[in-house]
């Protein structure tokens, strides 16, 4: 396989969601020449369908996720500052606390931020475009060949590449031990009698207010958890059920005249069977950063840092053993 005449970036990232673009920025700032492929449009799937909770202490997260989540929380201020310095677009925290409802009927107040992914997405995209990162939208990975010497040849719908290393960050489309989990959700106008400024969350529903920006005065109610393949159709009965669950927490949301629906949508979360991401080397030249399920927004800065360390042969700041791909093949 002769790759000498092909474009040869240091790193090729396949997938331009929140994980892929955050990793691209991190690698760029470490001095790598980075190309990113996206089969459709950057940041148009789960990255902007999410509610934006940085749910570090959600009791329903797998316990093994906590160290990575805590690392990501510590990295978030610098991550947002980097994005703003490149893009000129600030991404404010929308809330700073969460009321977590526990199964025994009690509640606890968590110090936990949320942000609006629809503010983060354009800022992150503008930040990437302000650098030398080569973002190729509407470019699909067609085939991949690796020699015993770890030389890569990548065929895409817009030409061939020979990167030194490749990272898959394709979300629900990665296929490798990852399946799409559909989530329907809606956004409602908040009644004047409910100036909500903190998240309310149970195991089955969350209410996330928007306090700043173009969506201020509204709240997101979500989300269903459905094994429905790649279907993103909306079902009124599912949205009505979400509203009824939300109204059990905040009764004024039951009144559709006072809290009218503004919009509704469905996204596809990339999930593994144990709800933990895969952050690992697939071969010496190929790496995986997939399967972030409900926590892609939260885990983006930490995933970027630990994967960049892994690619550079450094010891990551947190143990990646729980996220090894071999946990599925060694069972």
C-alpha atoms as a PDB file:
ATOM      1  CA  UNK A   1       0.000   0.000   0.000  1.00  0.00           C
ATOM      2  CA  UNK A   2       1.608   3.239  -1.140  1.00  0.00           C
ATOM      3  CA  UNK A   3       0.437   6.157   1.005  1.00  0.00           C
ATOM      4  CA  UNK A   4       3.268   8.567   0.247  1.00  0.00           C
ATOM      5  CA  UNK A   5       1.224  10.663  -2.177  1.00  0.00           C
ATOM      6  CA  UNK A   6      -1.916  10.907  -0.013  1.00  0.00           C
ATOM      7  CA  UNK A   7      -2.754  13.820   2.329  1.00  0.00           C
ATOM      8  CA  UNK A   8      -1.324  12.767   5.688  1.00  0.00           C
ATOM      9  CA  UNK A   9      -2.683  14.575   8.761  1.00  0.00           C
ATOM     10  CA  UNK A  10      -1.275  13.563  12.135  1.00  0.00           C
ATOM     11  CA  UNK A  11      -4.743  12.723  13.410  1.00  0.00           C
ATOM     12  CA  UNK A  12      -7.985  11.894  11.596  1.00  0.00           C
ATOM     13  CA  UNK A  13     -11.148  12.135  13.706  1.00  0.00           C
ATOM     14  CA  UNK A  14     -14.268  10.482  12.321  1.00  0.00           C
ATOM     15  CA  UNK A  15     -17.359  12.229  13.715  1.00  0.00           C
ATOM     16  CA  UNK A  16     -17.894  15.951  14.351  1.00  0.00           C
ATOM     17  CA  UNK A  17     -20.124  15.905  17.404  1.00  0.00           C
ATOM     18  CA  UNK A  18     -19.296  17.450  20.756  1.00  0.00           C
ATOM     19  CA  UNK A  19     -16.776  14.678  21.510  1.00  0.00           C
ATOM     20  CA  UNK A  20     -15.021  14.805  18.138  1.00  0.00           C
ATOM     21  CA  UNK A  21     -14.682  18.579  17.961  1.00  0.00           C
ATOM     22  CA  UNK A  22     -13.609  18.945  21.603  1.00  0.00           C
ATOM     23  CA  UNK A  23     -10.915  16.334  20.976  1.00  0.00           C
ATOM     24  CA  UNK A  24      -9.882  18.087  17.763  1.00  0.00           C
ATOM     25  CA  UNK A  25      -9.343  21.336  19.665  1.00  0.00           C
ATOM     26  CA  UNK A  26      -7.335  19.599  22.404  1.00  0.00           C
ATOM     27  CA  UNK A  27      -5.079  17.835  19.906  1.00  0.00           C
ATOM     28  CA  UNK A  28      -4.653  21.038  17.895  1.00  0.00           C
ATOM     29  CA  UNK A  29      -3.470  22.891  20.993  1.00  0.00           C
ATOM     30  CA  UNK A  30      -0.990  20.084  21.642  1.00  0.00           C
ATOM     31  CA  UNK A  31       0.515  20.721  18.227  1.00  0.00           C
ATOM     32  CA  UNK A  32      -1.123  18.051  16.063  1.00  0.00           C
ATOM     33  CA  UNK A  33      -2.341  18.542  12.503  1.00  0.00           C
ATOM     34  CA  UNK A  34      -5.990  17.419  12.725  1.00  0.00           C
ATOM     35  CA  UNK A  35      -8.585  16.547  10.105  1.00  0.00           C
ATOM     36  CA  UNK A  36     -12.204  15.823  11.074  1.00  0.00           C
ATOM     37  CA  UNK A  37     -14.691  13.941   8.896  1.00  0.00           C
ATOM     38  CA  UNK A  38     -18.443  14.304   9.342  1.00  0.00           C
ATOM     39  CA  UNK A  39     -20.932  12.293   7.300  1.00  0.00           C
ATOM     40  CA  UNK A  40     -23.593  15.016   7.586  1.00  0.00           C
ATOM     41  CA  UNK A  41     -23.350  18.378   9.357  1.00  0.00           C
ATOM     42  CA  UNK A  42     -21.254  19.035  12.440  1.00  0.00           C
ATOM     43  CA  UNK A  43     -23.016  19.057  15.822  1.00  0.00           C
ATOM     44  CA  UNK A  44     -26.445  18.301  14.378  1.00  0.00           C
ATOM     45  CA  UNK A  45     -27.375  15.091  16.214  1.00  0.00           C
ATOM     46  CA  UNK A  46     -27.129  14.169  19.914  1.00  0.00           C
ATOM     47  CA  UNK A  47     -24.853  17.154  20.600  1.00  0.00           C
ATOM     48  CA  UNK A  48     -27.701  19.640  20.188  1.00  0.00           C
ATOM     49  CA  UNK A  49     -30.585  17.355  21.184  1.00  0.00           C
ATOM     50  CA  UNK A  50     -29.321  17.167  24.769  1.00  0.00           C
ATOM     51  CA  UNK A  51     -30.578  19.120  27.768  1.00  0.00           C
ATOM     52  CA  UNK A  52     -27.075  20.189  28.770  1.00  0.00           C
ATOM     53  CA  UNK A  53     -26.948  19.013  32.392  1.00  0.00           C
ATOM     54  CA  UNK A  54     -23.430  18.537  33.740  1.00  0.00           C
ATOM     55  CA  UNK A  55     -24.809  15.733  35.897  1.00  0.00           C
ATOM     56  CA  UNK A  56     -21.643  14.734  37.749  1.00  0.00           C
ATOM     57  CA  UNK A  57     -23.444  13.528  40.886  1.00  0.00           C
ATOM     58  CA  UNK A  58     -26.570  12.012  39.333  1.00  0.00           C
ATOM     59  CA  UNK A  59     -27.167   8.919  41.510  1.00  0.00           C
ATOM     60  CA  UNK A  60     -28.363   6.998  38.459  1.00  0.00           C
ATOM     61  CA  UNK A  61     -25.032   7.270  36.658  1.00  0.00           C
ATOM     62  CA  UNK A  62     -22.838   4.151  36.844  1.00  0.00           C
ATOM     63  CA  UNK A  63     -20.471   4.555  39.843  1.00  0.00           C
ATOM     64  CA  UNK A  64     -17.461   3.875  37.615  1.00  0.00           C
ATOM     65  CA  UNK A  65     -18.238   7.065  35.697  1.00  0.00           C
ATOM     66  CA  UNK A  66     -17.695   9.362  38.693  1.00  0.00           C
ATOM     67  CA  UNK A  67     -13.901   9.963  38.480  1.00  0.00           C
ATOM     68  CA  UNK A  68     -14.126  10.841  34.772  1.00  0.00           C
ATOM     69  CA  UNK A  69     -17.133  13.082  35.461  1.00  0.00           C
ATOM     70  CA  UNK A  70     -15.301  14.877  38.262  1.00  0.00           C
ATOM     71  CA  UNK A  71     -12.302  15.408  36.016  1.00  0.00           C
ATOM     72  CA  UNK A  72     -14.533  16.872  33.332  1.00  0.00           C
ATOM     73  CA  UNK A  73     -16.177  19.244  35.798  1.00  0.00           C
ATOM     74  CA  UNK A  74     -12.752  20.541  36.816  1.00  0.00           C
ATOM     75  CA  UNK A  75     -11.808  21.099  33.155  1.00  0.00           C
ATOM     76  CA  UNK A  76     -15.030  22.796  32.078  1.00  0.00           C
ATOM     77  CA  UNK A  77     -14.185  26.438  32.947  1.00  0.00           C
ATOM     78  CA  UNK A  78     -10.933  26.319  30.943  1.00  0.00           C
ATOM     79  CA  UNK A  79     -12.708  24.484  28.107  1.00  0.00           C
ATOM     80  CA  UNK A  80     -15.390  27.172  27.831  1.00  0.00           C
ATOM     81  CA  UNK A  81     -12.764  29.910  28.111  1.00  0.00           C
ATOM     82  CA  UNK A  82     -10.803  28.370  25.230  1.00  0.00           C
ATOM     83  CA  UNK A  83     -13.950  28.141  23.105  1.00  0.00           C
ATOM     84  CA  UNK A  84     -14.849  31.765  23.844  1.00  0.00           C
ATOM     85  CA  UNK A  85     -11.337  33.065  23.166  1.00  0.00           C
ATOM     86  CA  UNK A  86     -11.354  31.459  19.713  1.00  0.00           C
ATOM     87  CA  UNK A  87     -14.973  32.068  18.740  1.00  0.00           C
ATOM     88  CA  UNK A  88     -15.815  35.319  20.533  1.00  0.00           C
ATOM     89  CA  UNK A  89     -18.989  33.576  21.774  1.00  0.00           C
ATOM     90  CA  UNK A  90     -19.588  33.125  25.492  1.00  0.00           C
ATOM     91  CA  UNK A  91     -21.402  30.010  26.690  1.00  0.00           C
ATOM     92  CA  UNK A  92     -22.914  30.816  30.101  1.00  0.00           C
ATOM     93  CA  UNK A  93     -24.054  28.324  32.686  1.00  0.00           C
ATOM     94  CA  UNK A  94     -27.850  28.351  32.743  1.00  0.00           C
ATOM     95  CA  UNK A  95     -28.248  26.902  36.241  1.00  0.00           C
ATOM     96  CA  UNK A  96     -25.992  26.144  39.196  1.00  0.00           C
ATOM     97  CA  UNK A  97     -28.073  23.743  41.295  1.00  0.00           C
ATOM     98  CA  UNK A  98     -30.197  20.629  40.824  1.00  0.00           C
ATOM     99  CA  UNK A  99     -32.984  19.283  43.018  1.00  0.00           C
ATOM    100  CA  UNK A 100     -32.569  15.501  42.874  1.00  0.00           C
ATOM    101  CA  UNK A 101     -35.650  13.500  43.867  1.00  0.00           C
ATOM    102  CA  UNK A 102     -34.769  10.196  45.526  1.00  0.00           C
ATOM    103  CA  UNK A 103     -36.825   6.958  45.525  1.00  0.00           C
ATOM    104  CA  UNK A 104     -37.713   7.312  49.226  1.00  0.00           C
ATOM    105  CA  UNK A 105     -39.451  10.623  48.535  1.00  0.00           C
ATOM    106  CA  UNK A 106     -36.670  12.824  49.892  1.00  0.00           C
ATOM    107  CA  UNK A 107     -34.665  15.348  47.874  1.00  0.00           C
ATOM    108  CA  UNK A 108     -31.126  16.611  47.822  1.00  0.00           C
ATOM    109  CA  UNK A 109     -29.734  19.823  46.382  1.00  0.00           C
ATOM    110  CA  UNK A 110     -26.697  19.212  44.184  1.00  0.00           C
ATOM    111  CA  UNK A 111     -24.187  21.859  43.158  1.00  0.00           C
ATOM    112  CA  UNK A 112     -24.343  21.144  39.448  1.00  0.00           C
ATOM    113  CA  UNK A 113     -24.237  23.345  36.354  1.00  0.00           C
ATOM    114  CA  UNK A 114     -26.223  23.133  33.162  1.00  0.00           C
ATOM    115  CA  UNK A 115     -25.666  24.892  29.851  1.00  0.00           C
ATOM    116  CA  UNK A 116     -27.527  25.219  26.571  1.00  0.00           C
ATOM    117  CA  UNK A 117     -26.060  22.911  23.910  1.00  0.00           C
ATOM    118  CA  UNK A 118     -27.545  25.178  21.254  1.00  0.00           C
ATOM    119  CA  UNK A 119     -25.258  27.922  22.538  1.00  0.00           C
ATOM    120  CA  UNK A 120     -22.281  25.600  22.954  1.00  0.00           C
ATOM    121  CA  UNK A 121     -22.554  24.099  19.458  1.00  0.00           C
ATOM    122  CA  UNK A 122     -22.127  27.293  17.387  1.00  0.00           C
ATOM    123  CA  UNK A 123     -19.401  28.544  19.712  1.00  0.00           C
ATOM    124  CA  UNK A 124     -17.458  25.266  19.497  1.00  0.00           C
ATOM    125  CA  UNK A 125     -17.876  25.120  15.731  1.00  0.00           C
ATOM    126  CA  UNK A 126     -16.668  28.715  15.348  1.00  0.00           C
ATOM    127  CA  UNK A 127     -13.708  27.922  17.616  1.00  0.00           C
ATOM    128  CA  UNK A 128     -12.700  24.954  15.464  1.00  0.00           C
ATOM    129  CA  UNK A 129     -13.021  27.010  12.283  1.00  0.00           C
ATOM    130  CA  UNK A 130     -10.796  29.706  13.796  1.00  0.00           C
ATOM    131  CA  UNK A 131      -7.925  27.199  13.890  1.00  0.00           C
ATOM    132  CA  UNK A 132      -6.094  25.190  11.231  1.00  0.00           C
ATOM    133  CA  UNK A 133      -8.249  22.118  11.952  1.00  0.00           C
ATOM    134  CA  UNK A 134      -9.503  20.724   8.636  1.00  0.00           C
ATOM    135  CA  UNK A 135     -13.230  20.057   9.161  1.00  0.00           C
ATOM    136  CA  UNK A 136     -14.767  18.159   6.247  1.00  0.00           C
ATOM    137  CA  UNK A 137     -18.545  17.994   6.482  1.00  0.00           C
ATOM    138  CA  UNK A 138     -20.657  15.795   4.203  1.00  0.00           C
ATOM    139  CA  UNK A 139     -17.690  13.438   3.931  1.00  0.00           C
ATOM    140  CA  UNK A 140     -18.266   9.796   4.773  1.00  0.00           C
ATOM    141  CA  UNK A 141     -15.747   7.161   5.771  1.00  0.00           C
ATOM    142  CA  UNK A 142     -16.067   4.434   3.131  1.00  0.00           C
ATOM    143  CA  UNK A 143     -13.257   2.039   4.007  1.00  0.00           C
ATOM    144  CA  UNK A 144     -10.186   1.753   6.180  1.00  0.00           C
ATOM    145  CA  UNK A 145      -7.085  -0.342   5.664  1.00  0.00           C
ATOM    146  CA  UNK A 146      -4.256  -0.810   8.153  1.00  0.00           C
ATOM    147  CA  UNK A 147      -1.016  -2.617   7.342  1.00  0.00           C
ATOM    148  CA  UNK A 148       0.947  -4.752   9.830  1.00  0.00           C
ATOM    149  CA  UNK A 149       3.219  -1.719  10.153  1.00  0.00           C
ATOM    150  CA  UNK A 150       0.222   0.363  11.360  1.00  0.00           C
ATOM    151  CA  UNK A 151       0.058   2.456   8.188  1.00  0.00           C
ATOM    152  CA  UNK A 152      -3.468   3.688   7.521  1.00  0.00           C
ATOM    153  CA  UNK A 153      -5.265   4.284   4.264  1.00  0.00           C
ATOM    154  CA  UNK A 154      -8.707   5.880   4.535  1.00  0.00           C
ATOM    155  CA  UNK A 155     -11.132   6.064   1.624  1.00  0.00           C
ATOM    156  CA  UNK A 156     -13.789   8.748   1.981  1.00  0.00           C
ATOM    157  CA  UNK A 157     -16.591  10.024  -0.217  1.00  0.00           C
ATOM    158  CA  UNK A 158     -14.325  12.988  -1.041  1.00  0.00           C
ATOM    159  CA  UNK A 159     -10.932  11.398  -1.558  1.00  0.00           C
ATOM    160  CA  UNK A 160      -8.265   9.397   0.240  1.00  0.00           C
ATOM    161  CA  UNK A 161      -6.168  10.132   3.318  1.00  0.00           C
ATOM    162  CA  UNK A 162      -3.235   8.523   5.074  1.00  0.00           C
ATOM    163  CA  UNK A 163      -3.322   9.734   8.696  1.00  0.00           C
ATOM    164  CA  UNK A 164      -0.821   8.659  11.301  1.00  0.00           C
ATOM    165  CA  UNK A 165      -3.658   7.878  13.702  1.00  0.00           C
ATOM    166  CA  UNK A 166      -7.443   7.689  13.528  1.00  0.00           C
ATOM    167  CA  UNK A 167     -10.059   8.209  16.241  1.00  0.00           C
ATOM    168  CA  UNK A 168     -13.698   7.171  15.959  1.00  0.00           C
ATOM    169  CA  UNK A 169     -16.108   9.592  17.644  1.00  0.00           C
ATOM    170  CA  UNK A 170     -19.241   8.799  15.640  1.00  0.00           C
ATOM    171  CA  UNK A 171     -21.738   8.551  18.483  1.00  0.00           C
ATOM    172  CA  UNK A 172     -24.724   6.321  17.747  1.00  0.00           C
ATOM    173  CA  UNK A 173     -23.358   5.651  14.251  1.00  0.00           C
ATOM    174  CA  UNK A 174     -20.111   4.054  15.461  1.00  0.00           C
ATOM    175  CA  UNK A 175     -21.734   0.586  15.649  1.00  0.00           C
ATOM    176  CA  UNK A 176     -18.823  -0.909  17.627  1.00  0.00           C
ATOM    177  CA  UNK A 177     -20.623  -2.128  20.782  1.00  0.00           C
ATOM    178  CA  UNK A 178     -22.757   1.036  20.613  1.00  0.00           C
ATOM    179  CA  UNK A 179     -26.470   1.246  19.882  1.00  0.00           C
ATOM    180  CA  UNK A 180     -28.783   4.261  19.446  1.00  0.00           C
ATOM    181  CA  UNK A 181     -31.164   4.970  22.343  1.00  0.00           C
ATOM    182  CA  UNK A 182     -33.926   7.351  21.351  1.00  0.00           C
ATOM    183  CA  UNK A 183     -34.918  10.227  23.604  1.00  0.00           C
ATOM    184  CA  UNK A 184     -37.967  12.389  22.977  1.00  0.00           C
ATOM    185  CA  UNK A 185     -38.273  15.708  24.783  1.00  0.00           C
ATOM    186  CA  UNK A 186     -40.144  18.998  24.681  1.00  0.00           C
ATOM    187  CA  UNK A 187     -39.611  22.625  25.594  1.00  0.00           C
ATOM    188  CA  UNK A 188     -42.348  24.666  27.254  1.00  0.00           C
ATOM    189  CA  UNK A 189     -42.886  28.296  28.098  1.00  0.00           C
ATOM    190  CA  UNK A 190     -42.680  28.757  31.853  1.00  0.00           C
ATOM    191  CA  UNK A 191     -45.657  30.372  33.569  1.00  0.00           C
ATOM    192  CA  UNK A 192     -45.065  33.793  35.060  1.00  0.00           C
ATOM    193  CA  UNK A 193     -45.758  32.222  38.456  1.00  0.00           C
ATOM    194  CA  UNK A 194     -42.818  29.813  38.018  1.00  0.00           C
ATOM    195  CA  UNK A 195     -39.522  31.740  37.642  1.00  0.00           C
ATOM    196  CA  UNK A 196     -37.519  28.515  37.638  1.00  0.00           C
ATOM    197  CA  UNK A 197     -33.748  28.777  38.118  1.00  0.00           C
ATOM    198  CA  UNK A 198     -32.676  25.251  39.070  1.00  0.00           C
ATOM    199  CA  UNK A 199     -32.972  21.811  37.545  1.00  0.00           C
ATOM    200  CA  UNK A 200     -35.514  19.327  38.936  1.00  0.00           C
ATOM    201  CA  UNK A 201     -34.699  15.672  38.266  1.00  0.00           C
ATOM    202  CA  UNK A 202     -35.941  12.184  39.090  1.00  0.00           C
ATOM    203  CA  UNK A 203     -34.868   8.860  37.621  1.00  0.00           C
ATOM    204  CA  UNK A 204     -37.545   9.204  34.935  1.00  0.00           C
ATOM    205  CA  UNK A 205     -37.855  12.908  34.097  1.00  0.00           C
ATOM    206  CA  UNK A 206     -35.949  16.166  34.287  1.00  0.00           C
ATOM    207  CA  UNK A 207     -36.934  19.807  34.001  1.00  0.00           C
ATOM    208  CA  UNK A 208     -34.095  22.072  32.874  1.00  0.00           C
ATOM    209  CA  UNK A 209     -34.791  25.821  32.735  1.00  0.00           C
ATOM    210  CA  UNK A 210     -33.170  28.224  30.348  1.00  0.00           C
ATOM    211  CA  UNK A 211     -32.279  31.403  32.221  1.00  0.00           C
ATOM    212  CA  UNK A 212     -30.101  33.201  29.647  1.00  0.00           C
ATOM    213  CA  UNK A 213     -30.025  33.616  25.903  1.00  0.00           C
ATOM    214  CA  UNK A 214     -32.744  33.216  23.269  1.00  0.00           C
ATOM    215  CA  UNK A 215     -34.527  30.408  25.160  1.00  0.00           C
ATOM    216  CA  UNK A 216     -34.722  32.286  28.485  1.00  0.00           C
ATOM    217  CA  UNK A 217     -38.060  31.816  30.240  1.00  0.00           C
ATOM    218  CA  UNK A 218     -38.571  28.291  28.929  1.00  0.00           C
ATOM    219  CA  UNK A 219     -37.732  24.834  30.261  1.00  0.00           C
ATOM    220  CA  UNK A 220     -36.846  21.497  28.710  1.00  0.00           C
ATOM    221  CA  UNK A 221     -38.741  18.405  29.832  1.00  0.00           C
ATOM    222  CA  UNK A 222     -37.200  15.054  29.010  1.00  0.00           C
ATOM    223  CA  UNK A 223     -36.551  12.426  28.116  1.00  0.00           C
ATOM    224  CA  UNK A 224     -37.810   9.057  26.979  1.00  0.00           C
ATOM    225  CA  UNK A 225     -35.456   6.070  26.811  1.00  0.00           C
ATOM    226  CA  UNK A 226     -36.337   3.921  23.804  1.00  0.00           C
ATOM    227  CA  UNK A 227     -34.612   1.145  21.904  1.00  0.00           C
ATOM    228  CA  UNK A 228     -36.050   2.189  18.554  1.00  0.00           C
ATOM    229  CA  UNK A 229     -33.063   1.953  16.266  1.00  0.00           C
ATOM    230  CA  UNK A 230     -32.442   5.113  14.288  1.00  0.00           C
ATOM    231  CA  UNK A 231     -36.081   6.222  14.391  1.00  0.00           C
ATOM    232  CA  UNK A 232     -36.536   9.843  15.534  1.00  0.00           C
ATOM    233  CA  UNK A 233     -40.311  10.140  15.089  1.00  0.00           C
ATOM    234  CA  UNK A 234     -42.222  12.053  17.755  1.00  0.00           C
ATOM    235  CA  UNK A 235     -45.229  10.537  19.530  1.00  0.00           C
ATOM    236  CA  UNK A 236     -47.708  12.894  21.273  1.00  0.00           C
ATOM    237  CA  UNK A 237     -48.532  10.297  23.924  1.00  0.00           C
ATOM    238  CA  UNK A 238     -44.870  10.101  24.935  1.00  0.00           C
ATOM    239  CA  UNK A 239     -44.606  13.872  25.203  1.00  0.00           C
ATOM    240  CA  UNK A 240     -47.844  14.002  27.225  1.00  0.00           C
ATOM    241  CA  UNK A 241     -46.418  11.398  29.600  1.00  0.00           C
ATOM    242  CA  UNK A 242     -43.262  13.446  30.097  1.00  0.00           C
ATOM    243  CA  UNK A 243     -45.337  16.528  30.882  1.00  0.00           C
ATOM    244  CA  UNK A 244     -47.407  14.562  33.411  1.00  0.00           C
ATOM    245  CA  UNK A 245     -44.241  13.337  35.139  1.00  0.00           C
ATOM    246  CA  UNK A 246     -42.922  16.906  35.233  1.00  0.00           C
ATOM    247  CA  UNK A 247     -46.209  18.148  36.673  1.00  0.00           C
ATOM    248  CA  UNK A 248     -45.853  15.733  39.587  1.00  0.00           C
ATOM    249  CA  UNK A 249     -42.810  17.794  40.564  1.00  0.00           C
ATOM    250  CA  UNK A 250     -44.019  21.249  39.496  1.00  0.00           C
ATOM    251  CA  UNK A 251     -47.841  21.170  39.227  1.00  0.00           C
ATOM    252  CA  UNK A 252     -48.144  24.405  37.231  1.00  0.00           C
ATOM    253  CA  UNK A 253     -46.566  22.633  34.241  1.00  0.00           C
ATOM    254  CA  UNK A 254     -49.718  20.542  33.859  1.00  0.00           C
ATOM    255  CA  UNK A 255     -51.583  23.596  32.558  1.00  0.00           C
ATOM    256  CA  UNK A 256     -50.893  23.629  28.816  1.00  0.00           C
ATOM    257  CA  UNK A 257     -52.453  27.082  28.469  1.00  0.00           C
ATOM    258  CA  UNK A 258     -50.101  28.570  31.079  1.00  0.00           C
ATOM    259  CA  UNK A 259     -47.111  26.470  29.984  1.00  0.00           C
ATOM    260  CA  UNK A 260     -47.575  25.927  26.245  1.00  0.00           C
ATOM    261  CA  UNK A 261     -45.259  23.652  24.290  1.00  0.00           C
ATOM    262  CA  UNK A 262     -42.739  25.628  22.247  1.00  0.00           C
ATOM    263  CA  UNK A 263     -41.121  22.724  20.416  1.00  0.00           C
ATOM    264  CA  UNK A 264     -40.390  19.005  20.613  1.00  0.00           C
ATOM    265  CA  UNK A 265     -37.693  16.768  19.147  1.00  0.00           C
ATOM    266  CA  UNK A 266     -35.979  13.406  19.462  1.00  0.00           C
ATOM    267  CA  UNK A 267     -32.277  12.570  19.618  1.00  0.00           C
ATOM    268  CA  UNK A 268     -30.236   9.386  19.501  1.00  0.00           C
ATOM    269  CA  UNK A 269     -27.936   8.751  22.437  1.00  0.00           C
ATOM    270  CA  UNK A 270     -24.951   6.439  21.814  1.00  0.00           C
ATOM    271  CA  UNK A 271     -25.202   3.733  24.479  1.00  0.00           C
ATOM    272  CA  UNK A 272     -23.250   0.650  25.480  1.00  0.00           C
ATOM    273  CA  UNK A 273     -24.762  -2.214  27.455  1.00  0.00           C
ATOM    274  CA  UNK A 274     -23.228  -0.950  30.734  1.00  0.00           C
ATOM    275  CA  UNK A 275     -23.901   2.757  30.028  1.00  0.00           C
ATOM    276  CA  UNK A 276     -20.170   3.561  30.146  1.00  0.00           C
ATOM    277  CA  UNK A 277     -18.233   5.013  27.208  1.00  0.00           C
ATOM    278  CA  UNK A 278     -15.474   3.213  25.338  1.00  0.00           C
ATOM    279  CA  UNK A 279     -12.217   5.178  25.600  1.00  0.00           C
ATOM    280  CA  UNK A 280      -9.477   2.946  24.321  1.00  0.00           C
ATOM    281  CA  UNK A 281      -6.942   2.027  21.673  1.00  0.00           C
ATOM    282  CA  UNK A 282      -8.473  -0.318  19.096  1.00  0.00           C
ATOM    283  CA  UNK A 283      -5.111  -0.915  17.389  1.00  0.00           C
ATOM    284  CA  UNK A 284      -1.784   0.952  17.706  1.00  0.00           C
ATOM    285  CA  UNK A 285      -3.089   3.456  15.120  1.00  0.00           C
ATOM    286  CA  UNK A 286      -6.831   3.421  15.793  1.00  0.00           C
ATOM    287  CA  UNK A 287      -8.660   4.720  18.865  1.00  0.00           C
ATOM    288  CA  UNK A 288     -12.253   4.768  20.131  1.00  0.00           C
ATOM    289  CA  UNK A 289     -14.075   7.539  22.002  1.00  0.00           C
ATOM    290  CA  UNK A 290     -17.697   6.441  21.728  1.00  0.00           C
ATOM    291  CA  UNK A 291     -20.754   5.417  23.763  1.00  0.00           C
ATOM    292  CA  UNK A 292     -21.190   8.444  26.032  1.00  0.00           C
ATOM    293  CA  UNK A 293     -24.961   7.835  26.329  1.00  0.00           C
ATOM    294  CA  UNK A 294     -26.565  10.672  28.352  1.00  0.00           C
ATOM    295  CA  UNK A 295     -23.313  12.393  29.302  1.00  0.00           C
ATOM    296  CA  UNK A 296     -21.651  13.522  26.097  1.00  0.00           C
ATOM    297  CA  UNK A 297     -21.903  17.219  26.965  1.00  0.00           C
ATOM    298  CA  UNK A 298     -20.604  16.620  30.498  1.00  0.00           C
ATOM    299  CA  UNK A 299     -17.729  14.358  29.470  1.00  0.00           C
ATOM    300  CA  UNK A 300     -16.442  16.263  26.433  1.00  0.00           C
ATOM    301  CA  UNK A 301     -13.518  18.115  28.114  1.00  0.00           C
ATOM    302  CA  UNK A 302     -12.328  15.049  30.051  1.00  0.00           C
ATOM    303  CA  UNK A 303     -12.671  12.757  27.041  1.00  0.00           C
ATOM    304  CA  UNK A 304     -10.590  15.184  24.995  1.00  0.00           C
ATOM    305  CA  UNK A 305      -7.876  15.300  27.662  1.00  0.00           C
ATOM    306  CA  UNK A 306      -7.616  11.577  28.380  1.00  0.00           C
ATOM    307  CA  UNK A 307      -7.802  10.534  24.728  1.00  0.00           C
ATOM    308  CA  UNK A 308      -5.117  13.058  23.788  1.00  0.00           C
ATOM    309  CA  UNK A 309      -2.941  11.614  26.557  1.00  0.00           C
ATOM    310  CA  UNK A 310      -3.609   8.078  25.331  1.00  0.00           C
ATOM    311  CA  UNK A 311      -2.724   8.983  21.757  1.00  0.00           C
ATOM    312  CA  UNK A 312       0.500  10.658  22.921  1.00  0.00           C
ATOM    313  CA  UNK A 313       1.477   7.660  25.048  1.00  0.00           C
ATOM    314  CA  UNK A 314       1.024   9.514  28.336  1.00  0.00           C
ATOM    315  CA  UNK A 315      -0.747   8.337  31.480  1.00  0.00           C
ATOM    316  CA  UNK A 316      -4.264   9.858  31.568  1.00  0.00           C
ATOM    317  CA  UNK A 317      -5.354  11.813  34.629  1.00  0.00           C
ATOM    318  CA  UNK A 318      -7.908   9.129  35.527  1.00  0.00           C
ATOM    319  CA  UNK A 319      -7.971   5.351  35.212  1.00  0.00           C
ATOM    320  CA  UNK A 320      -9.418   4.272  31.869  1.00  0.00           C
ATOM    321  CA  UNK A 321      -9.761   0.589  32.760  1.00  0.00           C
ATOM    322  CA  UNK A 322     -13.574   0.834  33.207  1.00  0.00           C
ATOM    323  CA  UNK A 323     -13.820   2.152  29.636  1.00  0.00           C
ATOM    324  CA  UNK A 324     -11.722  -0.503  27.885  1.00  0.00           C
ATOM    325  CA  UNK A 325     -13.215  -2.026  24.754  1.00  0.00           C
ATOM    326  CA  UNK A 326     -12.062  -5.456  25.935  1.00  0.00           C
ATOM    327  CA  UNK A 327     -14.699  -5.489  28.692  1.00  0.00           C
ATOM    328  CA  UNK A 328     -17.186  -6.668  26.061  1.00  0.00           C
ATOM    329  CA  UNK A 329     -15.000  -9.207  24.270  1.00  0.00           C
ATOM    330  CA  UNK A 330     -13.570 -10.769  27.462  1.00  0.00           C
ATOM    331  CA  UNK A 331     -16.916 -11.758  28.959  1.00  0.00           C
END
